[in-house]
Amino acid sequence: MTTEERPDYLSYLLRLWRINGEGRNWRISIVSPHTGECKNFTSLEALWLFLREQMEIPSGEGQDGE
């Protein structure tokens, strides 16, 4: 996807749930309301990497909440 095709606005429906209803084993999914595409993640780090790629933020930039 080229820069011209990148939207200036992104939105996702975020879902979080625990595996077996307890412990630290969480799963994450996001769904784009624009395309209906669903992505699944097994960690917050994987979700964060995906979002950074969508926003075209190089890794290492903005990790302090900036």
PDB file of N, CA and C in Angstrom:
ATOM      1  N   MET A   1       0.842  -1.172   0.000  1.00  0.00           N
ATOM      2  CA  MET A   1       0.000   0.000   0.000  1.00  0.00           C
ATOM      3  C   MET A   1       0.892   1.241   0.000  1.00  0.00           C
ATOM      4  N   THR A   2       0.610   2.165  -0.885  1.00  0.00           N
ATOM      5  CA  THR A   2       1.413   3.375  -0.965  1.00  0.00           C
ATOM      6  C   THR A   2       0.925   4.405   0.045  1.00  0.00           C
ATOM      7  N   THR A   3       1.711   5.447   0.224  1.00  0.00           N
ATOM      8  CA  THR A   3       1.356   6.514   1.152  1.00  0.00           C
ATOM      9  C   THR A   3       0.022   7.139   0.773  1.00  0.00           C
ATOM     10  N   GLU A   4      -0.237   7.291  -0.525  1.00  0.00           N
ATOM     11  CA  GLU A   4      -1.499   7.878  -0.966  1.00  0.00           C
ATOM     12  C   GLU A   4      -2.690   7.015  -0.579  1.00  0.00           C
ATOM     13  N   GLU A   5      -2.495   5.714  -0.460  1.00  0.00           N
ATOM     14  CA  GLU A   5      -3.584   4.808  -0.113  1.00  0.00           C
ATOM     15  C   GLU A   5      -3.779   4.680   1.388  1.00  0.00           C
ATOM     16  N   ARG A   6      -2.853   5.173   2.196  1.00  0.00           N
ATOM     17  CA  ARG A   6      -2.957   5.094   3.647  1.00  0.00           C
ATOM     18  C   ARG A   6      -4.009   6.083   4.138  1.00  0.00           C
ATOM     19  N   PRO A   7      -4.943   5.616   4.939  1.00  0.00           N
ATOM     20  CA  PRO A   7      -5.960   6.537   5.456  1.00  0.00           C
ATOM     21  C   PRO A   7      -5.386   7.448   6.547  1.00  0.00           C
ATOM     22  N   ASP A   8      -6.032   8.581   6.727  1.00  0.00           N
ATOM     23  CA  ASP A   8      -5.655   9.492   7.802  1.00  0.00           C
ATOM     24  C   ASP A   8      -6.410   9.161   9.082  1.00  0.00           C
ATOM     25  N   TYR A   9      -7.307   8.201   9.011  1.00  0.00           N
ATOM     26  CA  TYR A   9      -8.127   7.822  10.162  1.00  0.00           C
ATOM     27  C   TYR A   9      -8.227   6.302  10.196  1.00  0.00           C
ATOM     28  N   LEU A  10      -7.957   5.707  11.326  1.00  0.00           N
ATOM     29  CA  LEU A  10      -8.079   4.256  11.503  1.00  0.00           C
ATOM     30  C   LEU A  10      -8.973   3.994  12.708  1.00  0.00           C
ATOM     31  N   SER A  11      -9.815   2.993  12.611  1.00  0.00           N
ATOM     32  CA  SER A  11     -10.600   2.587  13.776  1.00  0.00           C
ATOM     33  C   SER A  11     -10.714   1.074  13.778  1.00  0.00           C
ATOM     34  N   TYR A  12     -10.767   0.529  14.990  1.00  0.00           N
ATOM     35  CA  TYR A  12     -10.872  -0.914  15.173  1.00  0.00           C
ATOM     36  C   TYR A  12     -11.753  -1.198  16.373  1.00  0.00           C
ATOM     37  N   LEU A  13     -12.448  -2.306  16.322  1.00  0.00           N
ATOM     38  CA  LEU A  13     -13.139  -2.827  17.488  1.00  0.00           C
ATOM     39  C   LEU A  13     -12.164  -3.775  18.163  1.00  0.00           C
ATOM     40  N   LEU A  14     -11.851  -3.496  19.416  1.00  0.00           N
ATOM     41  CA  LEU A  14     -10.878  -4.286  20.167  1.00  0.00           C
ATOM     42  C   LEU A  14     -11.616  -5.229  21.106  1.00  0.00           C
ATOM     43  N   ARG A  15     -11.225  -6.503  21.102  1.00  0.00           N
ATOM     44  CA  ARG A  15     -11.783  -7.493  22.029  1.00  0.00           C
ATOM     45  C   ARG A  15     -10.633  -8.166  22.774  1.00  0.00           C
ATOM     46  N   LEU A  16     -10.813  -8.324  24.072  1.00  0.00           N
ATOM     47  CA  LEU A  16      -9.837  -9.005  24.927  1.00  0.00           C
ATOM     48  C   LEU A  16     -10.579 -10.080  25.704  1.00  0.00           C
ATOM     49  N   TRP A  17      -9.996 -11.270  25.794  1.00  0.00           N
ATOM     50  CA  TRP A  17     -10.600 -12.320  26.602  1.00  0.00           C
ATOM     51  C   TRP A  17      -9.524 -13.244  27.141  1.00  0.00           C
ATOM     52  N   ARG A  18      -9.834 -13.830  28.281  1.00  0.00           N
ATOM     53  CA  ARG A  18      -8.889 -14.760  28.912  1.00  0.00           C
ATOM     54  C   ARG A  18      -9.147 -16.183  28.453  1.00  0.00           C
ATOM     55  N   ILE A  19      -8.069 -16.898  28.240  1.00  0.00           N
ATOM     56  CA  ILE A  19      -8.162 -18.315  27.926  1.00  0.00           C
ATOM     57  C   ILE A  19      -8.462 -19.045  29.238  1.00  0.00           C
ATOM     58  N   ASN A  20      -9.426 -19.913  29.233  1.00  0.00           N
ATOM     59  CA  ASN A  20      -9.844 -20.688  30.410  1.00  0.00           C
ATOM     60  C   ASN A  20     -10.358 -19.799  31.541  1.00  0.00           C
ATOM     61  N   GLY A  21     -10.622 -18.518  31.265  1.00  0.00           N
ATOM     62  CA  GLY A  21     -11.233 -17.633  32.231  1.00  0.00           C
ATOM     63  C   GLY A  21     -10.391 -17.229  33.423  1.00  0.00           C
ATOM     64  N   GLU A  22      -9.118 -17.548  33.432  1.00  0.00           N
ATOM     65  CA  GLU A  22      -8.279 -17.159  34.563  1.00  0.00           C
ATOM     66  C   GLU A  22      -6.827 -17.040  34.141  1.00  0.00           C
ATOM     67  N   GLY A  23      -6.015 -16.570  35.052  1.00  0.00           N
ATOM     68  CA  GLY A  23      -4.584 -16.482  34.770  1.00  0.00           C
ATOM     69  C   GLY A  23      -4.220 -15.315  33.881  1.00  0.00           C
ATOM     70  N   ARG A  24      -3.025 -15.398  33.310  1.00  0.00           N
ATOM     71  CA  ARG A  24      -2.484 -14.306  32.501  1.00  0.00           C
ATOM     72  C   ARG A  24      -2.576 -14.605  31.006  1.00  0.00           C
ATOM     73  N   ASN A  25      -3.247 -15.637  30.611  1.00  0.00           N
ATOM     74  CA  ASN A  25      -3.327 -16.014  29.203  1.00  0.00           C
ATOM     75  C   ASN A  25      -4.477 -15.293  28.510  1.00  0.00           C
ATOM     76  N   TRP A  26      -4.170 -14.124  27.978  1.00  0.00           N
ATOM     77  CA  TRP A  26      -5.151 -13.310  27.278  1.00  0.00           C
ATOM     78  C   TRP A  26      -5.006 -13.470  25.766  1.00  0.00           C
ATOM     79  N   ARG A  27      -6.101 -13.281  25.083  1.00  0.00           N
ATOM     80  CA  ARG A  27      -6.116 -13.229  23.626  1.00  0.00           C
ATOM     81  C   ARG A  27      -6.720 -11.895  23.227  1.00  0.00           C
ATOM     82  N   ILE A  28      -6.361 -11.446  22.037  1.00  0.00           N
ATOM     83  CA  ILE A  28      -6.772 -10.130  21.555  1.00  0.00           C
ATOM     84  C   ILE A  28      -7.222 -10.267  20.110  1.00  0.00           C
ATOM     85  N   SER A  29      -8.294  -9.580  19.772  1.00  0.00           N
ATOM     86  CA  SER A  29      -8.674  -9.483  18.364  1.00  0.00           C
ATOM     87  C   SER A  29      -9.080  -8.050  18.080  1.00  0.00           C
ATOM     88  N   ILE A  30      -8.840  -7.637  16.855  1.00  0.00           N
ATOM     89  CA  ILE A  30      -9.336  -6.350  16.389  1.00  0.00           C
ATOM     90  C   ILE A  30     -10.032  -6.577  15.058  1.00  0.00           C
ATOM     91  N   VAL A  31     -11.101  -5.817  14.846  1.00  0.00           N
ATOM     92  CA  VAL A  31     -11.865  -5.904  13.606  1.00  0.00           C
ATOM     93  C   VAL A  31     -11.969  -4.502  13.026  1.00  0.00           C
ATOM     94  N   SER A  32     -11.689  -4.384  11.761  1.00  0.00           N
ATOM     95  CA  SER A  32     -11.856  -3.110  11.069  1.00  0.00           C
ATOM     96  C   SER A  32     -13.316  -2.964  10.656  1.00  0.00           C
ATOM     97  N   PRO A  33     -14.005  -1.915  11.126  1.00  0.00           N
ATOM     98  CA  PRO A  33     -15.401  -1.725  10.706  1.00  0.00           C
ATOM     99  C   PRO A  33     -15.504  -1.315   9.243  1.00  0.00           C
ATOM    100  N   HIS A  34     -14.405  -0.861   8.662  1.00  0.00           N
ATOM    101  CA  HIS A  34     -14.405  -0.426   7.264  1.00  0.00           C
ATOM    102  C   HIS A  34     -14.318  -1.598   6.301  1.00  0.00           C
ATOM    103  N   THR A  35     -13.518  -2.623   6.676  1.00  0.00           N
ATOM    104  CA  THR A  35     -13.303  -3.751   5.768  1.00  0.00           C
ATOM    105  C   THR A  35     -13.871  -5.064   6.302  1.00  0.00           C
ATOM    106  N   GLY A  36     -14.134  -5.133   7.613  1.00  0.00           N
ATOM    107  CA  GLY A  36     -14.589  -6.378   8.226  1.00  0.00           C
ATOM    108  C   GLY A  36     -13.460  -7.344   8.520  1.00  0.00           C
ATOM    109  N   GLU A  37     -12.231  -6.945   8.169  1.00  0.00           N
ATOM    110  CA  GLU A  37     -11.079  -7.811   8.404  1.00  0.00           C
ATOM    111  C   GLU A  37     -10.817  -7.960   9.899  1.00  0.00           C
ATOM    112  N   CYS A  38     -10.561  -9.192  10.321  1.00  0.00           N
ATOM    113  CA  CYS A  38     -10.281  -9.494  11.723  1.00  0.00           C
ATOM    114  C   CYS A  38      -8.848  -9.990  11.846  1.00  0.00           C
ATOM    115  N   LYS A  39      -8.149  -9.457  12.850  1.00  0.00           N
ATOM    116  CA  LYS A  39      -6.784  -9.905  13.150  1.00  0.00           C
ATOM    117  C   LYS A  39      -6.768 -10.391  14.595  1.00  0.00           C
ATOM    118  N   ASN A  40      -6.057 -11.481  14.844  1.00  0.00           N
ATOM    119  CA  ASN A  40      -5.934 -12.047  16.181  1.00  0.00           C
ATOM    120  C   ASN A  40      -4.492 -11.962  16.654  1.00  0.00           C
ATOM    121  N   PHE A  41      -4.326 -11.727  17.955  1.00  0.00           N
ATOM    122  CA  PHE A  41      -2.999 -11.576  18.551  1.00  0.00           C
ATOM    123  C   PHE A  41      -2.950 -12.361  19.853  1.00  0.00           C
ATOM    124  N   THR A  42      -1.769 -12.832  20.191  1.00  0.00           N
ATOM    125  CA  THR A  42      -1.588 -13.568  21.443  1.00  0.00           C
ATOM    126  C   THR A  42      -0.832 -12.749  22.479  1.00  0.00           C
ATOM    127  N   SER A  43      -0.465 -11.507  22.111  1.00  0.00           N
ATOM    128  CA  SER A  43       0.237 -10.651  23.065  1.00  0.00           C
ATOM    129  C   SER A  43      -0.021  -9.187  22.730  1.00  0.00           C
ATOM    130  N   LEU A  44       0.119  -8.344  23.741  1.00  0.00           N
ATOM    131  CA  LEU A  44       0.005  -6.904  23.518  1.00  0.00           C
ATOM    132  C   LEU A  44       1.115  -6.404  22.613  1.00  0.00           C
ATOM    133  N   GLU A  45       2.281  -7.016  22.732  1.00  0.00           N
ATOM    134  CA  GLU A  45       3.404  -6.614  21.889  1.00  0.00           C
ATOM    135  C   GLU A  45       3.088  -6.824  20.412  1.00  0.00           C
ATOM    136  N   ALA A  46       2.456  -7.941  20.082  1.00  0.00           N
ATOM    137  CA  ALA A  46       2.096  -8.219  18.690  1.00  0.00           C
ATOM    138  C   ALA A  46       1.040  -7.229  18.198  1.00  0.00           C
ATOM    139  N   LEU A  47       0.066  -6.915  19.043  1.00  0.00           N
ATOM    140  CA  LEU A  47      -0.939  -5.916  18.689  1.00  0.00           C
ATOM    141  C   LEU A  47      -0.276  -4.566  18.454  1.00  0.00           C
ATOM    142  N   TRP A  48       0.610  -4.168  19.374  1.00  0.00           N
ATOM    143  CA  TRP A  48       1.294  -2.880  19.269  1.00  0.00           C
ATOM    144  C   TRP A  48       2.111  -2.802  17.971  1.00  0.00           C
ATOM    145  N   LEU A  49       2.799  -3.872  17.626  1.00  0.00           N
ATOM    146  CA  LEU A  49       3.584  -3.896  16.393  1.00  0.00           C
ATOM    147  C   LEU A  49       2.673  -3.694  15.176  1.00  0.00           C
ATOM    148  N   PHE A  50       1.547  -4.389  15.147  1.00  0.00           N
ATOM    149  CA  PHE A  50       0.594  -4.235  14.047  1.00  0.00           C
ATOM    150  C   PHE A  50       0.118  -2.786  13.937  1.00  0.00           C
ATOM    151  N   LEU A  51      -0.275  -2.191  15.084  1.00  0.00           N
ATOM    152  CA  LEU A  51      -0.775  -0.819  15.065  1.00  0.00           C
ATOM    153  C   LEU A  51       0.306   0.162  14.614  1.00  0.00           C
ATOM    154  N   ARG A  52       1.533  -0.054  15.045  1.00  0.00           N
ATOM    155  CA  ARG A  52       2.640   0.808  14.627  1.00  0.00           C
ATOM    156  C   ARG A  52       2.838   0.720  13.112  1.00  0.00           C
ATOM    157  N   GLU A  53       2.717  -0.484  12.572  1.00  0.00           N
ATOM    158  CA  GLU A  53       2.853  -0.659  11.125  1.00  0.00           C
ATOM    159  C   GLU A  53       1.732   0.078  10.389  1.00  0.00           C
ATOM    160  N   GLN A  54       0.511   0.002  10.906  1.00  0.00           N
ATOM    161  CA  GLN A  54      -0.613   0.680  10.282  1.00  0.00           C
ATOM    162  C   GLN A  54      -0.436   2.192  10.304  1.00  0.00           C
ATOM    163  N   MET A  55       0.179   2.688  11.362  1.00  0.00           N
ATOM    164  CA  MET A  55       0.398   4.125  11.520  1.00  0.00           C
ATOM    165  C   MET A  55       1.725   4.571  10.905  1.00  0.00           C
ATOM    166  N   GLU A  56       2.494   3.608  10.393  1.00  0.00           N
ATOM    167  CA  GLU A  56       3.802   3.857   9.796  1.00  0.00           C
ATOM    168  C   GLU A  56       4.746   4.542  10.777  1.00  0.00           C
ATOM    169  N   ILE A  57       4.771   4.056  12.019  1.00  0.00           N
ATOM    170  CA  ILE A  57       5.687   4.549  13.042  1.00  0.00           C
ATOM    171  C   ILE A  57       6.836   3.557  13.140  1.00  0.00           C
ATOM    172  N   PRO A  58       8.057   3.987  12.898  1.00  0.00           N
ATOM    173  CA  PRO A  58       9.188   3.073  13.018  1.00  0.00           C
ATOM    174  C   PRO A  58       9.310   2.545  14.442  1.00  0.00           C
ATOM    175  N   SER A  59       9.715   1.298  14.601  1.00  0.00           N
ATOM    176  CA  SER A  59       9.878   0.746  15.935  1.00  0.00           C
ATOM    177  C   SER A  59      10.948   1.545  16.669  1.00  0.00           C
ATOM    178  N   GLY A  60      10.733   1.761  17.950  1.00  0.00           N
ATOM    179  CA  GLY A  60      11.656   2.547  18.763  1.00  0.00           C
ATOM    180  C   GLY A  60      11.212   3.997  18.920  1.00  0.00           C
ATOM    181  N   GLU A  61      10.327   4.476  18.034  1.00  0.00           N
ATOM    182  CA  GLU A  61       9.827   5.847  18.135  1.00  0.00           C
ATOM    183  C   GLU A  61       8.554   5.853  18.963  1.00  0.00           C
ATOM    184  N   GLY A  62       8.408   6.831  19.838  1.00  0.00           N
ATOM    185  CA  GLY A  62       7.161   7.024  20.565  1.00  0.00           C
ATOM    186  C   GLY A  62       6.857   5.976  21.609  1.00  0.00           C
ATOM    187  N   GLN A  63       7.826   5.268  22.125  1.00  0.00           N
ATOM    188  CA  GLN A  63       7.556   4.222  23.096  1.00  0.00           C
ATOM    189  C   GLN A  63       7.321   4.753  24.494  1.00  0.00           C
ATOM    190  N   ASP A  64       7.548   6.044  24.713  1.00  0.00           N
ATOM    191  CA  ASP A  64       7.301   6.642  26.017  1.00  0.00           C
ATOM    192  C   ASP A  64       5.961   7.347  26.049  1.00  0.00           C
ATOM    193  N   GLY A  65       5.038   6.907  25.199  1.00  0.00           N
ATOM    194  CA  GLY A  65       3.726   7.509  25.157  1.00  0.00           C
ATOM    195  C   GLY A  65       3.664   8.801  24.352  1.00  0.00           C
ATOM    196  N   GLU A  66       4.699   9.091  23.607  1.00  0.00           N
ATOM    197  CA  GLU A  66       4.742  10.314  22.802  1.00  0.00           C
ATOM    198  C   GLU A  66       4.277  10.029  21.405  1.00  0.00           C
TER     199      GLU A  66
END
